[in-house]
Amino acid sequence: MSLRSLGQLDAAVEQLHRALAIQPANPVAHGNLGHALLASGRYRDAWPHFEHRWSTFLDERGDSKINPPNLPMPQWKGESTRADRDRLLILHEHGLGDTLHFCRYIPMAMERFSQVGFAGPEPLRRLLSRAFGSTSSKFVYLDATRVDLRQWDMYSPLLSLPMAFDTDADSIPAAIPYLHAEPRAAQRWSKRLAGLQNAARPRIGLAWAGGGLLPEVDARRSMPVDKIDALISWPHALWISLQKPVSDAKKLQRRQRVHIVDWMNEIDDFADTAALVASLDLVICVDTSIAHLAGAMGKRVWLLNRHQGCWRWMRDREDTPWYPNMRIFNQETCGDWDEVLARVLAELERDAWRS
């Protein structure tokens, strides 16, 4: 884990293989090896180990905080199916960003099954129902707390679908966009933006903090709210908040509100957020669900990435095969957002976002 946090992925993989040679059934070593291999871009090698990912979420006593699903039906792992009969239940896991990232596999599952149900969180219901259910009766969005298991033949956790579809770095489903705003809702936001002072300036959405699902991760990926002063004081953009604060520490300060439009108290779910994002020219954000929403919509995204961040962004890359329109600004030193923001401002000055 120390080697991985230092960016020494090859050495971390070597040590985790040694650990598994000593204890072949150690689930934490398997899970950590999966994450290290994914960060190295070795996807096919990683997915079987990534099936132990739940074991890596530990509390201060070393006990598992999140348990894998235990359903009275087989997990689908890519086997042949009877497309006219078999029904697949997909389970939400982890954060909202993970769902926005991996829901791209739902249309692929719909080609293999007669019906696909997704047991997901309420804030994503309207957005995903429109994306996958508006043109096909095969998809149904389910209340995760009230699923009748008798209606389904197999299940899959959402983040297990890349393994089921044998995903490698060169076979990532990249049909962007795969999420869309509702046109009339998007038009309403567009009209409001057009009526603002300086409406002709580039419209840049901004999100500076994540949620609190994993506090130890959120502390590193979120930026203190006072840091955004460096961006919103840049006078050549119309800055739009995309932040839904989960705590007072993440709320805009009173002095900042004159520099940024904040309508997020009118946003109820991700369908609303998508409608607002649809009218933006650029989204600048930390590694949170907004990055995945904007990326899935085909928007230009500048990701402010923590040092040695999530596996999906790999290491020392400024691009990602998951979202072709994303550019990654990596921290060079852990916790140093000032240097990252200085590079972002330099790019804004060069009008690099237009290219």
Protein backbone atom coordinates (compact mmCIF):
# COMPACT_ATOMS: atom_id res chain seq x y z
CA MET A 1 0.00 0.00 0.00
CA SER A 2 2.86 2.37 0.77
CA LEU A 3 4.51 1.61 -2.57
CA ARG A 4 1.23 2.18 -4.39
CA SER A 5 0.66 5.51 -2.63
CA LEU A 6 4.16 6.57 -3.75
CA GLY A 7 3.33 5.71 -7.35
CA GLN A 8 5.66 2.71 -7.46
CA LEU A 9 3.06 0.46 -9.03
CA ASP A 10 5.36 -2.24 -10.40
CA ALA A 11 6.94 -2.70 -6.99
CA ALA A 12 3.51 -2.74 -5.32
CA VAL A 13 2.28 -5.43 -7.74
CA GLU A 14 5.38 -7.50 -7.04
CA GLN A 15 4.87 -7.35 -3.27
CA LEU A 16 1.15 -8.17 -3.55
CA HIS A 17 1.95 -11.22 -5.68
CA ARG A 18 4.40 -12.30 -2.97
CA ALA A 19 1.70 -11.81 -0.34
CA LEU A 20 -0.68 -14.03 -2.32
CA ALA A 21 2.02 -16.67 -2.73
CA ILE A 22 2.11 -16.83 1.08
CA GLN A 23 -1.67 -16.52 1.60
CA PRO A 24 -3.47 -17.37 -1.68
CA ALA A 25 -6.92 -16.76 -0.17
CA ASN A 26 -6.16 -13.35 1.36
CA PRO A 27 -9.04 -11.17 0.07
CA VAL A 28 -7.44 -7.84 1.03
CA ALA A 29 -4.28 -8.67 -0.93
CA HIS A 30 -6.43 -9.70 -3.91
CA GLY A 31 -8.41 -6.46 -3.73
CA ASN A 32 -5.33 -4.28 -3.43
CA LEU A 33 -3.65 -6.14 -6.29
CA GLY A 34 -6.72 -5.48 -8.42
CA HIS A 35 -6.51 -1.74 -7.74
CA ALA A 36 -2.76 -1.65 -8.43
CA LEU A 37 -3.10 -3.53 -11.71
CA LEU A 38 -5.96 -1.27 -12.81
CA ALA A 39 -3.90 1.84 -12.05
CA SER A 40 -1.18 0.30 -14.26
CA GLY A 41 -3.67 -0.16 -17.12
CA ARG A 42 -3.45 -3.98 -16.92
CA TYR A 43 -7.21 -4.42 -16.97
CA ARG A 44 -7.63 -8.05 -17.96
CA ASP A 45 -5.17 -9.15 -15.28
CA ALA A 46 -6.87 -6.92 -12.73
CA TRP A 47 -10.58 -7.75 -12.96
CA PRO A 48 -10.52 -11.17 -11.19
CA HIS A 49 -8.65 -9.60 -8.25
CA PHE A 50 -10.95 -6.56 -8.35
CA GLU A 51 -13.81 -8.93 -7.46
CA HIS A 52 -12.41 -8.74 -3.91
CA ARG A 53 -12.70 -4.93 -3.84
CA TRP A 54 -15.11 -4.95 -0.90
CA SER A 55 -12.36 -6.36 1.33
CA THR A 56 -10.26 -3.22 0.86
CA PHE A 57 -12.81 -0.93 2.53
CA LEU A 58 -11.76 -1.35 6.15
CA ASP A 59 -12.58 0.57 9.32
CA GLU A 60 -10.07 1.65 11.95
CA ARG A 61 -10.13 -1.86 13.47
CA GLY A 62 -9.41 -3.55 10.16
CA ASP A 63 -12.95 -4.91 9.73
CA SER A 64 -14.82 -4.69 6.42
CA LYS A 65 -17.03 -1.61 6.11
CA ILE A 66 -18.81 -2.81 2.95
CA ASN A 67 -19.82 -6.38 2.25
CA PRO A 68 -20.28 -7.99 -1.18
CA PRO A 69 -23.80 -8.96 -2.23
CA ASN A 70 -25.03 -12.39 -1.23
CA LEU A 71 -28.01 -13.23 -3.44
CA PRO A 72 -29.76 -16.60 -3.95
CA MET A 73 -28.93 -16.66 -7.68
CA PRO A 74 -25.76 -17.00 -9.73
CA GLN A 75 -23.57 -14.02 -10.54
CA TRP A 76 -23.24 -13.47 -14.28
CA LYS A 77 -19.58 -13.39 -15.28
CA GLY A 78 -19.87 -13.28 -19.06
CA GLU A 79 -21.24 -16.75 -19.78
CA SER A 80 -23.54 -17.39 -22.72
CA THR A 81 -27.15 -16.42 -22.06
CA ARG A 82 -30.57 -17.02 -23.55
CA ALA A 83 -31.24 -13.51 -24.78
CA ASP A 84 -34.95 -14.21 -25.20
CA ARG A 85 -35.44 -15.51 -21.65
CA ASP A 86 -32.71 -14.68 -19.14
CA ARG A 87 -33.11 -11.63 -16.92
CA LEU A 88 -30.22 -9.76 -15.28
CA LEU A 89 -30.34 -7.75 -12.07
CA ILE A 90 -27.53 -5.15 -11.84
CA LEU A 91 -26.67 -3.82 -8.39
CA HIS A 92 -25.51 -0.30 -7.60
CA GLU A 93 -22.35 -0.12 -5.50
CA HIS A 94 -20.03 2.54 -4.11
CA GLY A 95 -20.66 6.15 -5.11
CA LEU A 96 -22.82 7.95 -7.63
CA GLY A 97 -19.78 8.65 -9.80
CA ASP A 98 -19.08 4.92 -10.10
CA THR A 99 -22.59 4.39 -11.42
CA LEU A 100 -22.29 7.23 -13.93
CA HIS A 101 -18.95 5.80 -15.04
CA PHE A 102 -19.98 2.16 -15.46
CA CYS A 103 -23.61 2.48 -16.54
CA ARG A 104 -22.13 2.55 -20.08
CA TYR A 105 -22.25 -1.25 -19.82
CA ILE A 106 -26.03 -1.37 -19.41
CA PRO A 107 -26.80 -1.23 -23.18
CA MET A 108 -24.32 -4.06 -23.70
CA ALA A 109 -26.12 -6.12 -21.06
CA MET A 110 -29.44 -5.37 -22.76
CA GLU A 111 -28.12 -7.10 -25.88
CA ARG A 112 -27.45 -10.27 -23.86
CA PHE A 113 -30.61 -10.46 -21.74
CA SER A 114 -34.35 -10.27 -22.26
CA GLN A 115 -34.63 -7.76 -19.41
CA VAL A 116 -32.14 -5.77 -17.37
CA GLY A 117 -33.04 -4.27 -14.02
CA PHE A 118 -30.84 -1.75 -12.24
CA ALA A 119 -31.29 -1.43 -8.47
CA GLY A 120 -29.96 2.07 -8.00
CA PRO A 121 -30.12 5.25 -5.92
CA GLU A 122 -32.99 7.68 -6.34
CA PRO A 123 -30.90 10.69 -7.49
CA LEU A 124 -30.03 8.81 -10.70
CA ARG A 125 -33.47 7.38 -11.50
CA ARG A 126 -34.70 9.99 -13.99
CA LEU A 127 -31.36 10.37 -15.76
CA LEU A 128 -30.72 6.65 -16.28
CA SER A 129 -34.34 5.77 -17.00
CA ARG A 130 -34.33 8.27 -19.83
CA ALA A 131 -30.92 7.11 -21.11
CA PHE A 132 -31.69 3.38 -21.24
CA GLY A 133 -35.44 2.96 -20.84
CA SER A 134 -36.95 5.59 -23.09
CA THR A 135 -36.30 3.60 -26.27
CA SER A 136 -36.43 0.03 -24.93
CA SER A 137 -38.77 -1.93 -22.70
CA LYS A 138 -35.86 -4.17 -21.72
CA PHE A 139 -34.58 -1.75 -19.07
CA VAL A 140 -36.23 -1.08 -15.72
CA TYR A 141 -34.96 1.12 -12.90
CA LEU A 142 -35.66 -0.48 -9.53
CA ASP A 143 -35.95 0.77 -5.98
CA ALA A 144 -32.84 -0.77 -4.41
CA THR A 145 -34.70 -1.36 -1.13
CA ARG A 146 -37.66 -3.22 -2.69
CA VAL A 147 -36.37 -5.70 -5.28
CA ASP A 148 -38.34 -8.91 -5.85
CA LEU A 149 -35.50 -11.37 -6.45
CA ARG A 150 -37.90 -13.96 -7.88
CA GLN A 151 -38.16 -11.87 -11.06
CA TRP A 152 -34.47 -12.28 -11.93
CA ASP A 153 -32.31 -15.18 -13.10
CA MET A 154 -28.81 -13.76 -12.56
CA TYR A 155 -27.22 -10.74 -11.00
CA SER A 156 -24.07 -8.65 -11.36
CA PRO A 157 -22.63 -5.85 -9.28
CA LEU A 158 -22.22 -2.89 -11.62
CA LEU A 159 -18.43 -2.77 -11.28
CA SER A 160 -18.17 -6.45 -12.19
CA LEU A 161 -19.52 -5.83 -15.70
CA PRO A 162 -16.13 -4.80 -17.14
CA MET A 163 -14.84 -8.27 -16.24
CA ALA A 164 -17.95 -9.96 -17.65
CA PHE A 165 -17.37 -8.16 -20.96
CA ASP A 166 -13.62 -8.90 -20.93
CA THR A 167 -12.67 -5.22 -20.99
CA ASP A 168 -9.09 -4.27 -21.72
CA ALA A 169 -7.57 -0.81 -22.09
CA ASP A 170 -8.16 -0.93 -25.84
CA SER A 171 -11.74 -2.24 -25.65
CA ILE A 172 -13.36 0.24 -23.26
CA PRO A 173 -16.92 1.06 -24.36
CA ALA A 174 -16.51 4.66 -25.44
CA ALA A 175 -19.74 5.53 -27.23
CA ILE A 176 -19.79 9.10 -25.92
CA PRO A 177 -22.23 10.59 -25.13
CA TYR A 178 -24.23 7.86 -23.44
CA LEU A 179 -26.06 10.22 -21.07
CA HIS A 180 -28.19 13.14 -22.21
CA ALA A 181 -30.11 16.05 -20.75
CA GLU A 182 -33.85 16.32 -21.28
CA PRO A 183 -34.08 18.92 -24.10
CA ARG A 184 -36.79 21.15 -22.63
CA ALA A 185 -35.11 21.28 -19.23
CA ALA A 186 -31.78 22.09 -20.87
CA GLN A 187 -33.41 24.87 -22.87
CA ARG A 188 -34.81 26.45 -19.71
CA TRP A 189 -31.36 26.65 -18.11
CA SER A 190 -29.86 27.92 -21.36
CA LYS A 191 -32.35 30.81 -21.45
CA ARG A 192 -31.57 31.72 -17.85
CA LEU A 193 -27.85 31.71 -18.57
CA ALA A 194 -28.37 33.84 -21.69
CA GLY A 195 -30.12 36.45 -19.59
CA LEU A 196 -27.20 36.96 -17.23
CA GLN A 197 -24.71 39.78 -17.36
CA ASN A 198 -21.57 38.68 -19.25
CA ALA A 199 -23.56 35.86 -20.85
CA ALA A 200 -21.29 35.95 -23.91
CA ARG A 201 -18.31 34.78 -21.86
CA PRO A 202 -17.36 31.10 -21.79
CA ARG A 203 -19.63 29.22 -19.40
CA ILE A 204 -17.50 27.18 -17.02
CA GLY A 205 -19.01 24.85 -14.43
CA LEU A 206 -17.09 24.29 -11.21
CA ALA A 207 -17.21 21.57 -8.51
CA TRP A 208 -14.55 21.59 -5.81
CA ALA A 209 -15.53 18.81 -3.41
CA GLY A 210 -16.81 15.26 -3.30
CA GLY A 211 -19.32 13.58 -1.04
CA GLY A 212 -18.59 11.91 2.26
CA LEU A 213 -18.95 8.22 1.35
CA LEU A 214 -15.31 7.48 2.23
CA PRO A 215 -14.07 10.37 4.43
CA GLU A 216 -10.41 9.35 4.20
CA VAL A 217 -10.59 9.51 0.38
CA ASP A 218 -12.74 12.65 0.31
CA ALA A 219 -10.22 14.52 2.43
CA ARG A 220 -7.61 14.08 -0.33
CA ARG A 221 -9.78 14.50 -3.42
CA SER A 222 -11.72 17.58 -2.24
CA MET A 223 -10.32 21.09 -2.46
CA PRO A 224 -10.86 23.62 0.35
CA VAL A 225 -13.50 26.06 -0.83
CA ASP A 226 -11.20 29.07 -0.40
CA LYS A 227 -8.91 27.62 -3.10
CA ILE A 228 -11.47 28.33 -5.82
CA ASP A 229 -10.78 32.06 -5.40
CA ALA A 230 -7.89 31.58 -7.83
CA LEU A 231 -10.35 30.43 -10.50
CA ILE A 232 -13.48 32.50 -9.95
CA SER A 233 -11.45 35.71 -9.82
CA TRP A 234 -10.41 35.05 -13.43
CA PRO A 235 -12.64 37.64 -15.12
CA HIS A 236 -13.06 36.18 -18.59
CA ALA A 237 -15.56 33.41 -17.75
CA LEU A 238 -19.10 33.08 -16.50
CA TRP A 239 -18.58 30.76 -13.55
CA ILE A 240 -21.40 28.35 -12.68
CA SER A 241 -21.44 26.31 -9.46
CA LEU A 242 -22.12 22.59 -9.85
CA GLN A 243 -21.46 21.89 -6.18
CA LYS A 244 -24.06 20.37 -3.86
CA PRO A 245 -22.43 20.92 -0.45
CA VAL A 246 -22.78 18.07 2.03
CA SER A 247 -21.31 20.16 4.85
CA ASP A 248 -20.86 23.81 5.80
CA ALA A 249 -17.12 23.53 5.13
CA LYS A 250 -17.85 22.90 1.44
CA LYS A 251 -20.32 25.76 0.97
CA LEU A 252 -19.49 28.91 -0.95
CA GLN A 253 -18.40 31.75 1.28
CA ARG A 254 -20.40 34.98 1.15
CA ARG A 255 -17.58 36.96 -0.48
CA GLN A 256 -17.35 34.36 -3.27
CA ARG A 257 -20.96 34.57 -4.36
CA VAL A 258 -20.45 37.75 -6.36
CA HIS A 259 -18.09 35.83 -8.67
CA ILE A 260 -20.05 32.64 -9.31
CA VAL A 261 -23.65 31.83 -10.23
CA ASP A 262 -25.09 29.31 -7.77
CA TRP A 263 -28.47 27.79 -8.62
CA MET A 264 -27.77 24.42 -7.01
CA ASN A 265 -30.54 24.87 -4.44
CA GLU A 266 -32.92 24.39 -7.40
CA ILE A 267 -31.29 21.08 -8.38
CA ASP A 268 -33.02 17.97 -7.07
CA ASP A 269 -31.29 15.12 -8.91
CA PHE A 270 -28.81 14.32 -11.66
CA ALA A 271 -31.36 14.85 -14.42
CA ASP A 272 -31.56 18.47 -13.25
CA THR A 273 -27.77 18.71 -13.07
CA ALA A 274 -27.43 17.28 -16.59
CA ALA A 275 -29.83 19.93 -17.90
CA LEU A 276 -27.64 22.67 -16.45
CA VAL A 277 -24.39 21.05 -17.64
CA ALA A 278 -25.79 20.82 -21.19
CA SER A 279 -25.38 24.59 -21.66
CA LEU A 280 -21.80 24.80 -20.40
CA ASP A 281 -18.64 25.10 -22.48
CA LEU A 282 -16.30 23.52 -19.94
CA VAL A 283 -16.50 21.76 -16.57
CA ILE A 284 -13.61 22.04 -14.09
CA CYS A 285 -13.93 19.75 -11.11
CA VAL A 286 -12.23 17.44 -8.66
CA ASP A 287 -12.67 13.68 -8.88
CA THR A 288 -16.36 13.45 -8.09
CA SER A 289 -19.64 12.47 -9.75
CA ILE A 290 -19.78 15.73 -11.74
CA ALA A 291 -16.66 14.66 -13.65
CA HIS A 292 -18.37 11.45 -14.72
CA LEU A 293 -21.66 13.14 -15.59
CA ALA A 294 -20.00 15.75 -17.78
CA GLY A 295 -17.68 13.16 -19.32
CA ALA A 296 -20.57 10.82 -20.12
CA MET A 297 -22.41 13.73 -21.77
CA GLY A 298 -19.41 14.40 -24.02
CA LYS A 299 -18.63 17.74 -22.40
CA ARG A 300 -15.10 19.06 -22.17
CA VAL A 301 -13.88 18.31 -18.64
CA TRP A 302 -10.76 19.40 -16.80
CA LEU A 303 -10.22 17.04 -13.87
CA LEU A 304 -8.31 18.34 -10.85
CA ASN A 305 -6.84 15.06 -9.67
CA ARG A 306 -5.32 14.33 -6.27
CA HIS A 307 -1.78 12.94 -6.03
CA GLN A 308 -1.76 9.20 -6.82
CA GLY A 309 -5.51 9.30 -7.29
CA CYS A 310 -8.14 6.74 -8.26
CA TRP A 311 -7.09 3.74 -10.36
CA ARG A 312 -9.33 4.76 -13.28
CA TRP A 313 -7.15 7.76 -14.13
CA MET A 314 -4.02 5.55 -14.10
CA ARG A 315 -0.75 7.35 -13.36
CA ASP A 316 0.82 10.50 -14.78
CA ARG A 317 -1.60 10.69 -17.70
CA GLU A 318 -3.31 13.82 -18.93
CA ASP A 319 -5.96 11.87 -20.83
CA THR A 320 -8.14 8.83 -20.25
CA PRO A 321 -9.72 6.27 -22.58
CA TRP A 322 -12.88 6.40 -20.47
CA TYR A 323 -13.74 9.98 -21.50
CA PRO A 324 -12.16 11.27 -24.73
CA ASN A 325 -12.97 14.92 -23.91
CA MET A 326 -11.35 14.88 -20.46
CA ARG A 327 -8.02 16.47 -19.59
CA ILE A 328 -6.38 15.58 -16.29
CA PHE A 329 -4.40 18.01 -14.14
CA ASN A 330 -2.56 15.84 -11.60
CA GLN A 331 -1.18 17.03 -8.29
CA GLU A 332 2.61 16.77 -8.38
CA THR A 333 2.82 16.92 -4.59
CA CYS A 334 0.24 15.46 -2.24
CA GLY A 335 -2.19 18.16 -1.11
CA ASP A 336 -0.76 20.93 -3.31
CA TRP A 337 -3.76 22.41 -5.11
CA ASP A 338 -2.08 25.78 -5.70
CA GLU A 339 0.29 24.38 -8.32
CA VAL A 340 -2.57 22.56 -10.07
CA LEU A 341 -4.69 25.71 -10.19
CA ALA A 342 -1.77 27.74 -11.52
CA ARG A 343 -1.53 25.35 -14.48
CA VAL A 344 -5.29 25.55 -15.04
CA LEU A 345 -5.20 29.36 -15.05
CA ALA A 346 -2.31 29.33 -17.49
CA GLU A 347 -4.38 27.14 -19.83
CA LEU A 348 -7.39 29.42 -19.46
CA GLU A 349 -5.22 32.39 -20.37
CA ARG A 350 -4.10 30.57 -23.51
CA ASP A 351 -7.75 29.83 -24.36
CA ALA A 352 -6.68 26.18 -24.49
CA TRP A 353 -10.20 25.11 -23.50
CA ARG A 354 -11.47 26.22 -26.92
CA SER A 355 -9.32 23.70 -28.78
